[in-house]
C-alpha atoms as a PDB file:
ATOM      1  CA  MET A   1     163.669  -1.544 -61.302  1.00  0.00           C
ATOM      2  CA  ALA A   2     160.446  -3.069 -62.308  1.00  0.00           C
ATOM      3  CA  LYS A   3     159.031  -6.198 -60.576  1.00  0.00           C
ATOM      4  CA  THR A   4     157.966  -8.765 -62.820  1.00  0.00           C
ATOM      5  CA  SER A   5     155.662 -11.377 -60.853  1.00  0.00           C
ATOM      6  CA  LYS A   6     154.894 -14.402 -62.498  1.00  0.00           C
ATOM      7  CA  ARG A   7     151.797 -16.138 -61.162  1.00  0.00           C
ATOM      8  CA  GLN A   8     152.283 -19.593 -60.638  1.00  0.00           C
ATOM      9  CA  PRO A   9     149.102 -22.229 -61.481  1.00  0.00           C
ATOM     10  CA  SER A  10     147.153 -22.790 -58.412  1.00  0.00           C
ATOM     11  CA  VAL A  11     145.893 -26.256 -56.964  1.00  0.00           C
ATOM     12  CA  LEU A  12     143.024 -26.183 -58.946  1.00  0.00           C
ATOM     13  CA  ASN A  13     144.687 -25.568 -62.297  1.00  0.00           C
ATOM     14  CA  TRP A  14     147.033 -28.595 -61.583  1.00  0.00           C
ATOM     15  CA  MET A  15     144.114 -30.638 -60.710  1.00  0.00           C
ATOM     16  CA  GLY A  16     142.567 -29.529 -64.019  1.00  0.00           C
ATOM     17  CA  THR A  17     145.952 -30.142 -65.640  1.00  0.00           C
ATOM     18  CA  LEU A  18     146.217 -33.926 -64.207  1.00  0.00           C
ATOM     19  CA  ILE A  19     142.246 -34.650 -65.083  1.00  0.00           C
ATOM     20  CA  LEU A  20     143.193 -33.775 -68.528  1.00  0.00           C
ATOM     21  CA  TYR A  21     146.206 -35.636 -68.550  1.00  0.00           C
ATOM     22  CA  ALA A  22     144.374 -38.751 -67.414  1.00  0.00           C
ATOM     23  CA  ILE A  23     142.084 -39.036 -70.366  1.00  0.00           C
ATOM     24  CA  PRO A  24     143.263 -41.307 -73.186  1.00  0.00           C
ATOM     25  CA  GLY A  25     143.505 -39.575 -76.516  1.00  0.00           C
ATOM     26  CA  VAL A  26     142.863 -36.007 -74.772  1.00  0.00           C
ATOM     27  CA  ASN A  27     146.240 -36.297 -72.908  1.00  0.00           C
ATOM     28  CA  LEU A  28     148.642 -36.123 -75.852  1.00  0.00           C
ATOM     29  CA  ILE A  29     146.510 -33.342 -77.501  1.00  0.00           C
ATOM     30  CA  PHE A  30     146.571 -31.529 -74.091  1.00  0.00           C
ATOM     31  CA  LEU A  31     150.169 -32.057 -73.653  1.00  0.00           C
ATOM     32  CA  ILE A  32     150.838 -30.850 -77.172  1.00  0.00           C
ATOM     33  CA  LEU A  33     149.000 -27.292 -76.525  1.00  0.00           C
ATOM     34  CA  SER A  34     150.378 -27.013 -73.266  1.00  0.00           C
ATOM     35  CA  ALA A  35     154.119 -27.231 -74.421  1.00  0.00           C
ATOM     36  CA  ILE A  36     153.435 -24.465 -77.095  1.00  0.00           C
ATOM     37  CA  PHE A  37     150.912 -22.350 -75.453  1.00  0.00           C
ATOM     38  CA  ALA A  38     151.310 -22.710 -71.477  1.00  0.00           C
ATOM     39  CA  LYS A  39     152.588 -19.356 -69.898  1.00  0.00           C
ATOM     40  CA  SER A  40     154.038 -21.133 -66.919  1.00  0.00           C
ATOM     41  CA  THR A  41     157.543 -22.543 -67.483  1.00  0.00           C
ATOM     42  CA  SER A  42     156.263 -25.490 -64.820  1.00  0.00           C
ATOM     43  CA  LYS A  43     153.474 -26.142 -66.906  1.00  0.00           C
ATOM     44  CA  ARG A  44     155.528 -26.289 -69.893  1.00  0.00           C
ATOM     45  CA  SER A  45     158.020 -28.569 -68.734  1.00  0.00           C
ATOM     46  CA  PHE A  46     155.666 -30.979 -67.393  1.00  0.00           C
ATOM     47  CA  ALA A  47     153.972 -31.224 -70.813  1.00  0.00           C
ATOM     48  CA  VAL A  48     157.571 -31.604 -72.026  1.00  0.00           C
ATOM     49  CA  ALA A  49     158.049 -34.443 -69.452  1.00  0.00           C
ATOM     50  CA  GLY A  50     154.852 -35.982 -70.464  1.00  0.00           C
ATOM     51  CA  ILE A  51     155.220 -35.712 -74.213  1.00  0.00           C
ATOM     52  CA  LEU A  52     158.536 -37.459 -73.628  1.00  0.00           C
ATOM     53  CA  LEU A  53     157.085 -40.353 -71.490  1.00  0.00           C
ATOM     54  CA  ILE A  54     154.355 -41.074 -73.815  1.00  0.00           C
ATOM     55  CA  VAL A  55     157.031 -41.400 -76.727  1.00  0.00           C
ATOM     56  CA  LEU A  56     159.335 -43.524 -74.700  1.00  0.00           C
ATOM     57  CA  CYS A  57     156.434 -45.842 -73.527  1.00  0.00           C
ATOM     58  CA  ALA A  58     155.387 -46.114 -77.352  1.00  0.00           C
ATOM     59  CA  ILE A  59     158.747 -47.004 -78.458  1.00  0.00           C
ATOM     60  CA  LEU A  60     159.447 -49.737 -75.543  1.00  0.00           C
ATOM     61  CA  THR A  61     156.156 -51.223 -76.603  1.00  0.00           C
ATOM     62  CA  PHE A  62     156.902 -51.513 -80.365  1.00  0.00           C
ATOM     63  CA  ALA A  63     160.225 -52.972 -79.702  1.00  0.00           C
ATOM     64  CA  ALA A  64     158.732 -55.532 -77.072  1.00  0.00           C
ATOM     65  CA  PHE A  65     156.218 -56.306 -79.800  1.00  0.00           C
ATOM     66  CA  ALA A  66     159.024 -56.782 -82.630  1.00  0.00           C
ATOM     67  CA  ILE A  67     161.461 -58.574 -80.532  1.00  0.00           C
ATOM     68  CA  PHE A  68     159.063 -61.232 -79.082  1.00  0.00           C
ATOM     69  CA  PRO A  69     156.253 -61.465 -81.507  1.00  0.00           C
ATOM     70  CA  ASP A  70     155.473 -65.479 -80.404  1.00  0.00           C
ATOM     71  CA  PHE A  71     155.054 -64.255 -76.806  1.00  0.00           C
ATOM     72  CA  PHE A  72     152.498 -62.048 -77.921  1.00  0.00           C
ATOM     73  CA  THR A  73     150.723 -64.346 -79.980  1.00  0.00           C
ATOM     74  CA  LYS A  74     150.612 -67.222 -77.363  1.00  0.00           C
ATOM     75  CA  LEU A  75     149.554 -64.657 -74.766  1.00  0.00           C
ATOM     76  CA  ALA A  76     146.636 -63.194 -77.155  1.00  0.00           C
ATOM     77  CA  GLU A  77     145.488 -67.041 -77.799  1.00  0.00           C
ATOM     78  CA  THR A  78     145.664 -67.946 -74.081  1.00  0.00           C
ATOM     79  CA  MET A  79     143.338 -64.832 -73.375  1.00  0.00           C
ATOM     80  CA  ARG A  80     141.127 -65.587 -76.267  1.00  0.00           C
ATOM     81  CA  GLN A  81     140.616 -69.066 -74.872  1.00  0.00           C
ATOM     82  CA  ALA A  82     140.242 -67.918 -71.202  1.00  0.00           C
ATOM     83  CA  ALA A  83     137.488 -65.450 -72.353  1.00  0.00           C
ATOM     84  CA  HIS A  84     135.539 -67.998 -74.509  1.00  0.00           C
ATOM     85  CA  PRO A  85     136.077 -71.510 -72.675  1.00  0.00           C
ATOM     86  CA  ALA A  86     135.070 -74.603 -74.778  1.00  0.00           C
ATOM     87  CA  PRO A  87     131.809 -75.918 -73.607  1.00  0.00           C
ATOM     88  CA  VAL A  88     131.930 -78.874 -70.940  1.00  0.00           C
ATOM     89  CA  GLY A  89     132.474 -82.375 -72.845  1.00  0.00           C
ATOM     90  CA  GLU A  90     134.144 -80.646 -75.748  1.00  0.00           C
ATOM     91  CA  VAL A  91     137.629 -81.759 -76.611  1.00  0.00           C
ATOM     92  CA  ILE A  92     140.158 -78.922 -77.308  1.00  0.00           C
ATOM     93  CA  PRO A  93     142.558 -79.836 -80.140  1.00  0.00           C
ATOM     94  CA  VAL A  94     146.227 -79.480 -78.784  1.00  0.00           C
ATOM     95  CA  ALA A  95     148.535 -77.633 -81.676  1.00  0.00           C
END
């Protein structure tokens, strides 16, 4: 009976994977390519889990914006005012 030995990814290989996963934009492309072309089942499973996590976060974000649009509008206005405060002595109109 022939012994089939699959090489497990090394620590350096996993470090490279995590670094690529941390780069915005590159991570989704990298995960899709890893899910399709990875030779290791652990790498393939990691990529599929990462894709599912990104999709879940996107769905929850869009749902939050759809359910609470007034909250995010007020939050954006508050952040704009904090970033660009009115000069001293100028009256801020109250809506």
